Amino acid sequence: MKLILIFALITTFISLALSRSQFWGKRVAGDRMIISRNVTIYPRAKVIPMHLFKFPLAGRSNDRLITAVQVLDNFRNNSGVTPILKVGGPGRTFTTVLLQGQSGRGFNASVILYGR
């Protein structure tokens, strides 16, 4: 029984280490989730998948200060997304995050913004 538990823990740590999730900023007491979006890009041969996540959405405004930006790689096997914070982010009211996958592979990522 202990062997199974140890194996499960080691497998969990390895899968977490290989995922490319990213976190910018710091959540503090009083923060609320501003937006949560799931981005799925399907694979196409010889194409590097990219998605530019912009907040606030086109035609909208935002008066909340962003305290944290979190991108979760939902594949968790190192074949998913590589997030790059391009503009804004923590301490600003706007952000742009570039989500880039590997050539010929798709990705599934969640982008979550926290603020007050």
PDB file of N, CA and C in Angstrom:
ATOM      1  N   MET A   1       0.824  -1.197   0.000  1.00  0.00           N
ATOM      2  CA  MET A   1       0.000   0.000   0.000  1.00  0.00           C
ATOM      3  C   MET A   1       0.867   1.259   0.000  1.00  0.00           C
ATOM      4  N   LYS A   2       1.937   1.247   0.810  1.00  0.00           N
ATOM      5  CA  LYS A   2       2.830   2.409   0.836  1.00  0.00           C
ATOM      6  C   LYS A   2       3.505   2.609  -0.513  1.00  0.00           C
ATOM      7  N   LEU A   3       3.837   1.513  -1.176  1.00  0.00           N
ATOM      8  CA  LEU A   3       4.493   1.602  -2.471  1.00  0.00           C
ATOM      9  C   LEU A   3       3.584   2.283  -3.504  1.00  0.00           C
ATOM     10  N   ILE A   4       2.322   1.958  -3.472  1.00  0.00           N
ATOM     11  CA  ILE A   4       1.364   2.579  -4.401  1.00  0.00           C
ATOM     12  C   ILE A   4       1.229   4.068  -4.097  1.00  0.00           C
ATOM     13  N   LEU A   5       1.168   4.422  -2.844  1.00  0.00           N
ATOM     14  CA  LEU A   5       1.050   5.821  -2.443  1.00  0.00           C
ATOM     15  C   LEU A   5       2.291   6.613  -2.855  1.00  0.00           C
ATOM     16  N   ILE A   6       3.461   6.056  -2.633  1.00  0.00           N
ATOM     17  CA  ILE A   6       4.706   6.728  -3.014  1.00  0.00           C
ATOM     18  C   ILE A   6       4.767   6.896  -4.531  1.00  0.00           C
ATOM     19  N   PHE A   7       4.389   5.855  -5.269  1.00  0.00           N
ATOM     20  CA  PHE A   7       4.375   5.939  -6.731  1.00  0.00           C
ATOM     21  C   PHE A   7       3.407   7.026  -7.210  1.00  0.00           C
ATOM     22  N   ALA A   8       2.236   7.098  -6.596  1.00  0.00           N
ATOM     23  CA  ALA A   8       1.253   8.122  -6.979  1.00  0.00           C
ATOM     24  C   ALA A   8       1.776   9.528  -6.695  1.00  0.00           C
ATOM     25  N   LEU A   9       2.445   9.716  -5.564  1.00  0.00           N
ATOM     26  CA  LEU A   9       3.001  11.030  -5.231  1.00  0.00           C
ATOM     27  C   LEU A   9       4.115  11.432  -6.199  1.00  0.00           C
ATOM     28  N   ILE A  10       4.990  10.503  -6.507  1.00  0.00           N
ATOM     29  CA  ILE A  10       6.084  10.794  -7.436  1.00  0.00           C
ATOM     30  C   ILE A  10       5.527  11.134  -8.821  1.00  0.00           C
ATOM     31  N   THR A  11       4.547  10.376  -9.278  1.00  0.00           N
ATOM     32  CA  THR A  11       3.924  10.646 -10.581  1.00  0.00           C
ATOM     33  C   THR A  11       3.261  12.017 -10.600  1.00  0.00           C
ATOM     34  N   THR A  12       2.616  12.384  -9.511  1.00  0.00           N
ATOM     35  CA  THR A  12       1.978  13.698  -9.416  1.00  0.00           C
ATOM     36  C   THR A  12       3.008  14.814  -9.488  1.00  0.00           C
ATOM     37  N   PHE A  13       4.095  14.695  -8.748  1.00  0.00           N
ATOM     38  CA  PHE A  13       5.133  15.723  -8.758  1.00  0.00           C
ATOM     39  C   PHE A  13       5.784  15.853 -10.134  1.00  0.00           C
ATOM     40  N   ILE A  14       6.017  14.746 -10.800  1.00  0.00           N
ATOM     41  CA  ILE A  14       6.615  14.791 -12.135  1.00  0.00           C
ATOM     42  C   ILE A  14       5.678  15.481 -13.116  1.00  0.00           C
ATOM     43  N   SER A  15       4.396  15.145 -13.068  1.00  0.00           N
ATOM     44  CA  SER A  15       3.459  15.767 -14.007  1.00  0.00           C
ATOM     45  C   SER A  15       3.309  17.262 -13.730  1.00  0.00           C
ATOM     46  N   LEU A  16       3.356  17.669 -12.477  1.00  0.00           N
ATOM     47  CA  LEU A  16       3.292  19.092 -12.160  1.00  0.00           C
ATOM     48  C   LEU A  16       4.555  19.824 -12.594  1.00  0.00           C
ATOM     49  N   ALA A  17       5.698  19.155 -12.490  1.00  0.00           N
ATOM     50  CA  ALA A  17       6.958  19.786 -12.886  1.00  0.00           C
ATOM     51  C   ALA A  17       7.039  19.964 -14.397  1.00  0.00           C
ATOM     52  N   LEU A  18       6.418  19.091 -15.165  1.00  0.00           N
ATOM     53  CA  LEU A  18       6.495  19.166 -16.607  1.00  0.00           C
ATOM     54  C   LEU A  18       5.445  20.079 -17.222  1.00  0.00           C
ATOM     55  N   SER A  19       4.450  20.468 -16.472  1.00  0.00           N
ATOM     56  CA  SER A  19       3.445  21.368 -17.034  1.00  0.00           C
ATOM     57  C   SER A  19       4.028  22.772 -17.127  1.00  0.00           C
ATOM     58  N   ARG A  20       3.504  23.556 -18.042  1.00  0.00           N
ATOM     59  CA  ARG A  20       4.046  24.889 -18.267  1.00  0.00           C
ATOM     60  C   ARG A  20       3.080  25.953 -17.777  1.00  0.00           C
ATOM     61  N   SER A  21       2.554  25.778 -16.628  1.00  0.00           N
ATOM     62  CA  SER A  21       1.678  26.787 -16.052  1.00  0.00           C
ATOM     63  C   SER A  21       2.526  27.950 -15.558  1.00  0.00           C
ATOM     64  N   GLN A  22       1.943  29.135 -15.540  1.00  0.00           N
ATOM     65  CA  GLN A  22       2.689  30.331 -15.152  1.00  0.00           C
ATOM     66  C   GLN A  22       1.815  31.205 -14.263  1.00  0.00           C
ATOM     67  N   PHE A  23       2.461  31.896 -13.325  1.00  0.00           N
ATOM     68  CA  PHE A  23       1.752  32.782 -12.409  1.00  0.00           C
ATOM     69  C   PHE A  23       2.556  34.066 -12.266  1.00  0.00           C
ATOM     70  N   TRP A  24       1.923  35.196 -12.559  1.00  0.00           N
ATOM     71  CA  TRP A  24       2.566  36.495 -12.389  1.00  0.00           C
ATOM     72  C   TRP A  24       1.808  37.262 -11.328  1.00  0.00           C
ATOM     73  N   GLY A  25       2.512  37.938 -10.432  1.00  0.00           N
ATOM     74  CA  GLY A  25       1.881  38.730  -9.393  1.00  0.00           C
ATOM     75  C   GLY A  25       1.704  37.934  -8.114  1.00  0.00           C
ATOM     76  N   LYS A  26       0.843  38.455  -7.237  1.00  0.00           N
ATOM     77  CA  LYS A  26       0.597  37.814  -5.959  1.00  0.00           C
ATOM     78  C   LYS A  26      -0.836  38.087  -5.539  1.00  0.00           C
ATOM     79  N   ARG A  27      -1.548  37.016  -5.190  1.00  0.00           N
ATOM     80  CA  ARG A  27      -2.902  37.190  -4.683  1.00  0.00           C
ATOM     81  C   ARG A  27      -2.831  37.651  -3.240  1.00  0.00           C
ATOM     82  N   VAL A  28      -3.674  38.614  -2.894  1.00  0.00           N
ATOM     83  CA  VAL A  28      -3.727  39.124  -1.527  1.00  0.00           C
ATOM     84  C   VAL A  28      -5.165  39.046  -1.038  1.00  0.00           C
ATOM     85  N   ALA A  29      -5.350  39.222   0.256  1.00  0.00           N
ATOM     86  CA  ALA A  29      -6.688  39.164   0.838  1.00  0.00           C
ATOM     87  C   ALA A  29      -7.580  40.215   0.190  1.00  0.00           C
ATOM     88  N   GLY A  30      -8.788  39.848  -0.134  1.00  0.00           N
ATOM     89  CA  GLY A  30      -9.721  40.765  -0.767  1.00  0.00           C
ATOM     90  C   GLY A  30      -9.752  40.668  -2.276  1.00  0.00           C
ATOM     91  N   ASP A  31      -8.857  39.862  -2.868  1.00  0.00           N
ATOM     92  CA  ASP A  31      -8.858  39.683  -4.322  1.00  0.00           C
ATOM     93  C   ASP A  31     -10.088  38.901  -4.766  1.00  0.00           C
ATOM     94  N   ARG A  32     -10.525  39.205  -5.979  1.00  0.00           N
ATOM     95  CA  ARG A  32     -11.624  38.471  -6.584  1.00  0.00           C
ATOM     96  C   ARG A  32     -11.211  38.087  -7.997  1.00  0.00           C
ATOM     97  N   MET A  33     -11.796  37.004  -8.490  1.00  0.00           N
ATOM     98  CA  MET A  33     -11.526  36.600  -9.861  1.00  0.00           C
ATOM     99  C   MET A  33     -12.215  37.597 -10.792  1.00  0.00           C
ATOM    100  N   ILE A  34     -11.450  38.213 -11.660  1.00  0.00           N
ATOM    101  CA  ILE A  34     -12.003  39.174 -12.615  1.00  0.00           C
ATOM    102  C   ILE A  34     -12.551  38.439 -13.839  1.00  0.00           C
ATOM    103  N   ILE A  35     -11.764  37.504 -14.358  1.00  0.00           N
ATOM    104  CA  ILE A  35     -12.175  36.764 -15.553  1.00  0.00           C
ATOM    105  C   ILE A  35     -11.452  35.421 -15.578  1.00  0.00           C
ATOM    106  N   SER A  36     -12.118  34.435 -16.124  1.00  0.00           N
ATOM    107  CA  SER A  36     -11.531  33.116 -16.324  1.00  0.00           C
ATOM    108  C   SER A  36     -11.951  32.634 -17.708  1.00  0.00           C
ATOM    109  N   ARG A  37     -10.981  32.348 -18.558  1.00  0.00           N
ATOM    110  CA  ARG A  37     -11.265  31.915 -19.926  1.00  0.00           C
ATOM    111  C   ARG A  37     -10.462  30.650 -20.232  1.00  0.00           C
ATOM    112  N   ASN A  38     -11.125  29.718 -20.905  1.00  0.00           N
ATOM    113  CA  ASN A  38     -10.464  28.516 -21.375  1.00  0.00           C
ATOM    114  C   ASN A  38     -10.171  28.701 -22.865  1.00  0.00           C
ATOM    115  N   VAL A  39      -8.937  28.474 -23.273  1.00  0.00           N
ATOM    116  CA  VAL A  39      -8.519  28.642 -24.667  1.00  0.00           C
ATOM    117  C   VAL A  39      -8.078  27.285 -25.196  1.00  0.00           C
ATOM    118  N   THR A  40      -8.747  26.822 -26.251  1.00  0.00           N
ATOM    119  CA  THR A  40      -8.404  25.544 -26.873  1.00  0.00           C
ATOM    120  C   THR A  40      -8.063  25.789 -28.341  1.00  0.00           C
ATOM    121  N   ILE A  41      -6.872  25.363 -28.738  1.00  0.00           N
ATOM    122  CA  ILE A  41      -6.432  25.447 -30.126  1.00  0.00           C
ATOM    123  C   ILE A  41      -6.138  24.016 -30.582  1.00  0.00           C
ATOM    124  N   TYR A  42      -6.765  23.608 -31.675  1.00  0.00           N
ATOM    125  CA  TYR A  42      -6.587  22.251 -32.181  1.00  0.00           C
ATOM    126  C   TYR A  42      -5.351  22.167 -33.064  1.00  0.00           C
ATOM    127  N   PRO A  43      -4.696  20.991 -33.099  1.00  0.00           N
ATOM    128  CA  PRO A  43      -3.446  20.856 -33.862  1.00  0.00           C
ATOM    129  C   PRO A  43      -3.667  20.915 -35.369  1.00  0.00           C
ATOM    130  N   ARG A  44      -2.676  21.509 -36.055  1.00  0.00           N
ATOM    131  CA  ARG A  44      -2.611  21.530 -37.512  1.00  0.00           C
ATOM    132  C   ARG A  44      -1.165  21.241 -37.894  1.00  0.00           C
ATOM    133  N   ALA A  45      -0.982  20.464 -38.932  1.00  0.00           N
ATOM    134  CA  ALA A  45       0.361  20.043 -39.341  1.00  0.00           C
ATOM    135  C   ALA A  45       1.232  21.250 -39.701  1.00  0.00           C
ATOM    136  N   LYS A  46       2.444  21.246 -39.171  1.00  0.00           N
ATOM    137  CA  LYS A  46       3.476  22.239 -39.472  1.00  0.00           C
ATOM    138  C   LYS A  46       3.058  23.680 -39.169  1.00  0.00           C
ATOM    139  N   VAL A  47       2.196  23.865 -38.199  1.00  0.00           N
ATOM    140  CA  VAL A  47       1.753  25.201 -37.795  1.00  0.00           C
ATOM    141  C   VAL A  47       1.994  25.356 -36.299  1.00  0.00           C
ATOM    142  N   ILE A  48       2.593  26.477 -35.908  1.00  0.00           N
ATOM    143  CA  ILE A  48       2.785  26.775 -34.487  1.00  0.00           C
ATOM    144  C   ILE A  48       1.530  27.499 -34.005  1.00  0.00           C
ATOM    145  N   PRO A  49       0.754  26.876 -33.112  1.00  0.00           N
ATOM    146  CA  PRO A  49      -0.485  27.507 -32.659  1.00  0.00           C
ATOM    147  C   PRO A  49      -0.202  28.677 -31.714  1.00  0.00           C
ATOM    148  N   MET A  50      -0.915  29.781 -31.918  1.00  0.00           N
ATOM    149  CA  MET A  50      -0.763  30.963 -31.067  1.00  0.00           C
ATOM    150  C   MET A  50      -2.131  31.571 -30.814  1.00  0.00           C
ATOM    151  N   HIS A  51      -2.263  32.173 -29.650  1.00  0.00           N
ATOM    152  CA  HIS A  51      -3.482  32.907 -29.309  1.00  0.00           C
ATOM    153  C   HIS A  51      -3.080  34.107 -28.462  1.00  0.00           C
ATOM    154  N   LEU A  52      -3.585  35.276 -28.812  1.00  0.00           N
ATOM    155  CA  LEU A  52      -3.306  36.492 -28.063  1.00  0.00           C
ATOM    156  C   LEU A  52      -4.513  36.783 -27.176  1.00  0.00           C
ATOM    157  N   PHE A  53      -4.343  36.621 -25.862  1.00  0.00           N
ATOM    158  CA  PHE A  53      -5.417  36.877 -24.903  1.00  0.00           C
ATOM    159  C   PHE A  53      -5.297  38.318 -24.431  1.00  0.00           C
ATOM    160  N   LYS A  54      -6.330  39.116 -24.699  1.00  0.00           N
ATOM    161  CA  LYS A  54      -6.324  40.518 -24.298  1.00  0.00           C
ATOM    162  C   LYS A  54      -7.434  40.780 -23.292  1.00  0.00           C
ATOM    163  N   PHE A  55      -7.120  41.585 -22.272  1.00  0.00           N
ATOM    164  CA  PHE A  55      -8.106  42.018 -21.295  1.00  0.00           C
ATOM    165  C   PHE A  55      -7.895  43.493 -21.032  1.00  0.00           C
ATOM    166  N   PRO A  56      -8.897  44.320 -21.011  1.00  0.00           N
ATOM    167  CA  PRO A  56     -10.313  43.992 -21.146  1.00  0.00           C
ATOM    168  C   PRO A  56     -10.664  43.637 -22.581  1.00  0.00           C
ATOM    169  N   LEU A  57     -11.783  42.952 -22.723  1.00  0.00           N
ATOM    170  CA  LEU A  57     -12.247  42.535 -24.032  1.00  0.00           C
ATOM    171  C   LEU A  57     -12.560  43.755 -24.894  1.00  0.00           C
ATOM    172  N   ALA A  58     -12.517  43.572 -26.194  1.00  0.00           N
ATOM    173  CA  ALA A  58     -12.750  44.673 -27.132  1.00  0.00           C
ATOM    174  C   ALA A  58     -14.104  45.341 -26.869  1.00  0.00           C
ATOM    175  N   GLY A  59     -14.102  46.665 -26.814  1.00  0.00           N
ATOM    176  CA  GLY A  59     -15.331  47.417 -26.599  1.00  0.00           C
ATOM    177  C   GLY A  59     -15.743  47.547 -25.147  1.00  0.00           C
ATOM    178  N   ARG A  60     -14.936  47.055 -24.241  1.00  0.00           N
ATOM    179  CA  ARG A  60     -15.257  47.125 -22.816  1.00  0.00           C
ATOM    180  C   ARG A  60     -14.163  47.893 -22.086  1.00  0.00           C
ATOM    181  N   SER A  61     -14.481  48.320 -20.863  1.00  0.00           N
ATOM    182  CA  SER A  61     -13.477  48.991 -20.041  1.00  0.00           C
ATOM    183  C   SER A  61     -13.335  48.224 -18.730  1.00  0.00           C
ATOM    184  N   ASN A  62     -12.262  48.525 -18.024  1.00  0.00           N
ATOM    185  CA  ASN A  62     -11.994  47.858 -16.751  1.00  0.00           C
ATOM    186  C   ASN A  62     -11.451  48.881 -15.769  1.00  0.00           C
ATOM    187  N   ASP A  63     -12.045  48.944 -14.580  1.00  0.00           N
ATOM    188  CA  ASP A  63     -11.541  49.858 -13.559  1.00  0.00           C
ATOM    189  C   ASP A  63     -10.918  49.101 -12.386  1.00  0.00           C
ATOM    190  N   ARG A  64     -10.849  47.773 -12.495  1.00  0.00           N
ATOM    191  CA  ARG A  64     -10.245  46.957 -11.433  1.00  0.00           C
ATOM    192  C   ARG A  64      -8.747  46.807 -11.669  1.00  0.00           C
ATOM    193  N   LEU A  65      -7.988  46.850 -10.587  1.00  0.00           N
ATOM    194  CA  LEU A  65      -6.546  46.687 -10.655  1.00  0.00           C
ATOM    195  C   LEU A  65      -6.214  45.196 -10.634  1.00  0.00           C
ATOM    196  N   ILE A  66      -5.465  44.730 -11.603  1.00  0.00           N
ATOM    197  CA  ILE A  66      -5.076  43.323 -11.670  1.00  0.00           C
ATOM    198  C   ILE A  66      -3.958  43.073 -10.656  1.00  0.00           C
ATOM    199  N   THR A  67      -4.139  42.055  -9.819  1.00  0.00           N
ATOM    200  CA  THR A  67      -3.106  41.705  -8.839  1.00  0.00           C
ATOM    201  C   THR A  67      -2.365  40.430  -9.214  1.00  0.00           C
ATOM    202  N   ALA A  68      -2.996  39.557 -10.007  1.00  0.00           N
ATOM    203  CA  ALA A  68      -2.343  38.306 -10.387  1.00  0.00           C
ATOM    204  C   ALA A  68      -2.892  37.807 -11.716  1.00  0.00           C
ATOM    205  N   VAL A  69      -2.008  37.216 -12.502  1.00  0.00           N
ATOM    206  CA  VAL A  69      -2.371  36.588 -13.771  1.00  0.00           C
ATOM    207  C   VAL A  69      -1.896  35.140 -13.686  1.00  0.00           C
ATOM    208  N   GLN A  70      -2.812  34.205 -13.930  1.00  0.00           N
ATOM    209  CA  GLN A  70      -2.471  32.792 -13.851  1.00  0.00           C
ATOM    210  C   GLN A  70      -2.848  32.119 -15.168  1.00  0.00           C
ATOM    211  N   VAL A  71      -1.900  31.357 -15.731  1.00  0.00           N
ATOM    212  CA  VAL A  71      -2.153  30.562 -16.931  1.00  0.00           C
ATOM    213  C   VAL A  71      -1.902  29.111 -16.562  1.00  0.00           C
ATOM    214  N   LEU A  72      -2.912  28.283 -16.752  1.00  0.00           N
ATOM    215  CA  LEU A  72      -2.799  26.859 -16.434  1.00  0.00           C
ATOM    216  C   LEU A  72      -2.745  26.046 -17.718  1.00  0.00           C
ATOM    217  N   ASP A  73      -1.719  25.216 -17.853  1.00  0.00           N
ATOM    218  CA  ASP A  73      -1.617  24.289 -18.978  1.00  0.00           C
ATOM    219  C   ASP A  73      -2.459  23.079 -18.622  1.00  0.00           C
ATOM    220  N   ASN A  74      -3.557  22.882 -19.294  1.00  0.00           N
ATOM    221  CA  ASN A  74      -4.468  21.785 -18.955  1.00  0.00           C
ATOM    222  C   ASN A  74      -4.017  20.435 -19.492  1.00  0.00           C
ATOM    223  N   PHE A  75      -2.973  20.383 -20.324  1.00  0.00           N
ATOM    224  CA  PHE A  75      -2.451  19.105 -20.810  1.00  0.00           C
ATOM    225  C   PHE A  75      -1.554  18.441 -19.770  1.00  0.00           C
ATOM    226  N   ARG A  76      -0.757  19.213 -19.046  1.00  0.00           N
ATOM    227  CA  ARG A  76       0.112  18.737 -17.970  1.00  0.00           C
ATOM    228  C   ARG A  76       1.124  17.670 -18.397  1.00  0.00           C
ATOM    229  N   ASN A  77       1.561  17.713 -19.646  1.00  0.00           N
ATOM    230  CA  ASN A  77       2.555  16.732 -20.073  1.00  0.00           C
ATOM    231  C   ASN A  77       3.664  17.376 -20.896  1.00  0.00           C
ATOM    232  N   ASN A  78       3.857  18.673 -20.716  1.00  0.00           N
ATOM    233  CA  ASN A  78       4.915  19.429 -21.387  1.00  0.00           C
ATOM    234  C   ASN A  78       4.706  19.541 -22.892  1.00  0.00           C
ATOM    235  N   SER A  79       3.512  19.229 -23.375  1.00  0.00           N
ATOM    236  CA  SER A  79       3.257  19.375 -24.809  1.00  0.00           C
ATOM    237  C   SER A  79       2.251  20.497 -25.063  1.00  0.00           C
ATOM    238  N   GLY A  80       1.946  21.245 -24.051  1.00  0.00           N
ATOM    239  CA  GLY A  80       0.910  22.257 -24.173  1.00  0.00           C
ATOM    240  C   GLY A  80       1.433  23.640 -24.472  1.00  0.00           C
ATOM    241  N   VAL A  81       0.997  24.602 -23.697  1.00  0.00           N
ATOM    242  CA  VAL A  81       1.182  26.014 -23.976  1.00  0.00           C
ATOM    243  C   VAL A  81       2.417  26.593 -23.281  1.00  0.00           C
ATOM    244  N   THR A  82       3.016  27.597 -23.921  1.00  0.00           N
ATOM    245  CA  THR A  82       4.056  28.408 -23.306  1.00  0.00           C
ATOM    246  C   THR A  82       3.513  29.828 -23.220  1.00  0.00           C
ATOM    247  N   PRO A  83       3.176  30.306 -22.012  1.00  0.00           N
ATOM    248  CA  PRO A  83       2.610  31.653 -21.875  1.00  0.00           C
ATOM    249  C   PRO A  83       3.695  32.719 -21.768  1.00  0.00           C
ATOM    250  N   ILE A  84       3.437  33.865 -22.404  1.00  0.00           N
ATOM    251  CA  ILE A  84       4.359  35.001 -22.360  1.00  0.00           C
ATOM    252  C   ILE A  84       3.528  36.246 -22.041  1.00  0.00           C
ATOM    253  N   LEU A  85       3.861  36.924 -20.953  1.00  0.00           N
ATOM    254  CA  LEU A  85       3.182  38.166 -20.600  1.00  0.00           C
ATOM    255  C   LEU A  85       3.776  39.281 -21.444  1.00  0.00           C
ATOM    256  N   LYS A  86       2.986  39.820 -22.370  1.00  0.00           N
ATOM    257  CA  LYS A  86       3.490  40.816 -23.313  1.00  0.00           C
ATOM    258  C   LYS A  86       3.349  42.244 -22.788  1.00  0.00           C
ATOM    259  N   VAL A  87       2.152  42.587 -22.291  1.00  0.00           N
ATOM    260  CA  VAL A  87       1.859  43.958 -21.884  1.00  0.00           C
ATOM    261  C   VAL A  87       0.993  43.919 -20.630  1.00  0.00           C
ATOM    262  N   GLY A  88       1.179  44.920 -19.763  1.00  0.00           N
ATOM    263  CA  GLY A  88       0.309  45.057 -18.593  1.00  0.00           C
ATOM    264  C   GLY A  88       0.551  43.975 -17.562  1.00  0.00           C
ATOM    265  N   GLY A  89      -0.531  43.557 -16.897  1.00  0.00           N
ATOM    266  CA  GLY A  89      -0.433  42.519 -15.888  1.00  0.00           C
ATOM    267  C   GLY A  89      -0.631  43.079 -14.501  1.00  0.00           C
ATOM    268  N   PRO A  90       0.017  42.488 -13.499  1.00  0.00           N
ATOM    269  CA  PRO A  90      -0.158  42.941 -12.118  1.00  0.00           C
ATOM    270  C   PRO A  90       0.198  44.423 -11.947  1.00  0.00           C
ATOM    271  N   GLY A  91      -0.683  45.145 -11.252  1.00  0.00           N
ATOM    272  CA  GLY A  91      -0.475  46.567 -11.029  1.00  0.00           C
ATOM    273  C   GLY A  91      -1.087  47.438 -12.113  1.00  0.00           C
ATOM    274  N   ARG A  92      -1.693  46.827 -13.120  1.00  0.00           N
ATOM    275  CA  ARG A  92      -2.316  47.562 -14.228  1.00  0.00           C
ATOM    276  C   ARG A  92      -3.793  47.183 -14.322  1.00  0.00           C
ATOM    277  N   THR A  93      -4.523  47.858 -15.185  1.00  0.00           N
ATOM    278  CA  THR A  93      -5.933  47.522 -15.403  1.00  0.00           C
ATOM    279  C   THR A  93      -6.126  46.773 -16.715  1.00  0.00           C
ATOM    280  N   PHE A  94      -5.042  46.406 -17.380  1.00  0.00           N
ATOM    281  CA  PHE A  94      -5.109  45.702 -18.657  1.00  0.00           C
ATOM    282  C   PHE A  94      -3.976  44.693 -18.721  1.00  0.00           C
ATOM    283  N   THR A  95      -4.106  43.729 -19.619  1.00  0.00           N
ATOM    284  CA  THR A  95      -3.031  42.763 -19.839  1.00  0.00           C
ATOM    285  C   THR A  95      -3.177  42.119 -21.210  1.00  0.00           C
ATOM    286  N   THR A  96      -2.063  41.674 -21.746  1.00  0.00           N
ATOM    287  CA  THR A  96      -2.032  40.887 -22.974  1.00  0.00           C
ATOM    288  C   THR A  96      -1.072  39.728 -22.739  1.00  0.00           C
ATOM    289  N   VAL A  97      -1.573  38.512 -22.941  1.00  0.00           N
ATOM    290  CA  VAL A  97      -0.779  37.302 -22.744  1.00  0.00           C
ATOM    291  C   VAL A  97      -0.755  36.542 -24.059  1.00  0.00           C
ATOM    292  N   LEU A  98       0.458  36.213 -24.530  1.00  0.00           N
ATOM    293  CA  LEU A  98       0.616  35.397 -25.731  1.00  0.00           C
ATOM    294  C   LEU A  98       0.694  33.938 -25.302  1.00  0.00           C
ATOM    295  N   LEU A  99      -0.198  33.127 -25.845  1.00  0.00           N
ATOM    296  CA  LEU A  99      -0.181  31.685 -25.592  1.00  0.00           C
ATOM    297  C   LEU A  99       0.346  31.019 -26.854  1.00  0.00           C
ATOM    298  N   GLN A 100       1.453  30.294 -26.715  1.00  0.00           N
ATOM    299  CA  GLN A 100       2.092  29.685 -27.876  1.00  0.00           C
ATOM    300  C   GLN A 100       2.309  28.208 -27.616  1.00  0.00           C
ATOM    301  N   GLY A 101       1.925  27.383 -28.587  1.00  0.00           N
ATOM    302  CA  GLY A 101       2.094  25.938 -28.482  1.00  0.00           C
ATOM    303  C   GLY A 101       3.293  25.459 -29.270  1.00  0.00           C
ATOM    304  N   GLN A 102       3.404  24.154 -29.383  1.00  0.00           N
ATOM    305  CA  GLN A 102       4.499  23.542 -30.135  1.00  0.00           C
ATOM    306  C   GLN A 102       4.029  23.220 -31.548  1.00  0.00           C
ATOM    307  N   SER A 103       4.946  23.226 -32.473  1.00  0.00           N
ATOM    308  CA  SER A 103       4.629  22.995 -33.880  1.00  0.00           C
ATOM    309  C   SER A 103       3.900  21.668 -34.079  1.00  0.00           C
ATOM    310  N   GLY A 104       2.757  21.734 -34.757  1.00  0.00           N
ATOM    311  CA  GLY A 104       1.989  20.532 -35.051  1.00  0.00           C
ATOM    312  C   GLY A 104       1.165  20.004 -33.896  1.00  0.00           C
ATOM    313  N   ARG A 105       1.154  20.718 -32.780  1.00  0.00           N
ATOM    314  CA  ARG A 105       0.377  20.297 -31.613  1.00  0.00           C
ATOM    315  C   ARG A 105      -0.547  21.426 -31.198  1.00  0.00           C
ATOM    316  N   GLY A 106      -1.671  21.073 -30.680  1.00  0.00           N
ATOM    317  CA  GLY A 106      -2.588  22.069 -30.146  1.00  0.00           C
ATOM    318  C   GLY A 106      -2.319  22.294 -28.670  1.00  0.00           C
ATOM    319  N   PHE A 107      -3.176  23.102 -28.049  1.00  0.00           N
ATOM    320  CA  PHE A 107      -3.065  23.282 -26.602  1.00  0.00           C
ATOM    321  C   PHE A 107      -4.418  23.616 -26.007  1.00  0.00           C
ATOM    322  N   ASN A 108      -4.502  23.424 -24.714  1.00  0.00           N
ATOM    323  CA  ASN A 108      -5.691  23.742 -23.941  1.00  0.00           C
ATOM    324  C   ASN A 108      -5.200  24.431 -22.676  1.00  0.00           C
ATOM    325  N   ALA A 109      -5.542  25.701 -22.511  1.00  0.00           N
ATOM    326  CA  ALA A 109      -5.043  26.465 -21.373  1.00  0.00           C
ATOM    327  C   ALA A 109      -6.182  27.280 -20.753  1.00  0.00           C
ATOM    328  N   SER A 110      -6.054  27.558 -19.492  1.00  0.00           N
ATOM    329  CA  SER A 110      -6.997  28.434 -18.786  1.00  0.00           C
ATOM    330  C   SER A 110      -6.242  29.692 -18.356  1.00  0.00           C
ATOM    331  N   VAL A 111      -6.824  30.855 -18.648  1.00  0.00           N
ATOM    332  CA  VAL A 111      -6.257  32.128 -18.239  1.00  0.00           C
ATOM    333  C   VAL A 111      -7.182  32.716 -17.175  1.00  0.00           C
ATOM    334  N   ILE A 112      -6.625  32.987 -15.993  1.00  0.00           N
ATOM    335  CA  ILE A 112      -7.407  33.496 -14.877  1.00  0.00           C
ATOM    336  C   ILE A 112      -6.765  34.789 -14.377  1.00  0.00           C
ATOM    337  N   LEU A 113      -7.573  35.842 -14.252  1.00  0.00           N
ATOM    338  CA  LEU A 113      -7.104  37.128 -13.736  1.00  0.00           C
ATOM    339  C   LEU A 113      -7.766  37.408 -12.388  1.00  0.00           C
ATOM    340  N   TYR A 114      -6.952  37.845 -11.438  1.00  0.00           N
ATOM    341  CA  TYR A 114      -7.436  38.238 -10.115  1.00  0.00           C
ATOM    342  C   TYR A 114      -7.181  39.721  -9.916  1.00  0.00           C
ATOM    343  N   GLY A 115      -8.053  40.374  -9.164  1.00  0.00           N
ATOM    344  CA  GLY A 115      -7.870  41.786  -8.912  1.00  0.00           C
ATOM    345  C   GLY A 115      -8.810  42.305  -7.867  1.00  0.00           C
ATOM    346  N   ARG A 116      -8.757  43.640  -7.652  1.00  0.00           N
ATOM    347  CA  ARG A 116      -9.675  44.289  -6.714  1.00  0.00           C
ATOM    348  C   ARG A 116     -10.140  45.610  -7.240  1.00  0.00           C
TER     349      ARG A 116
END
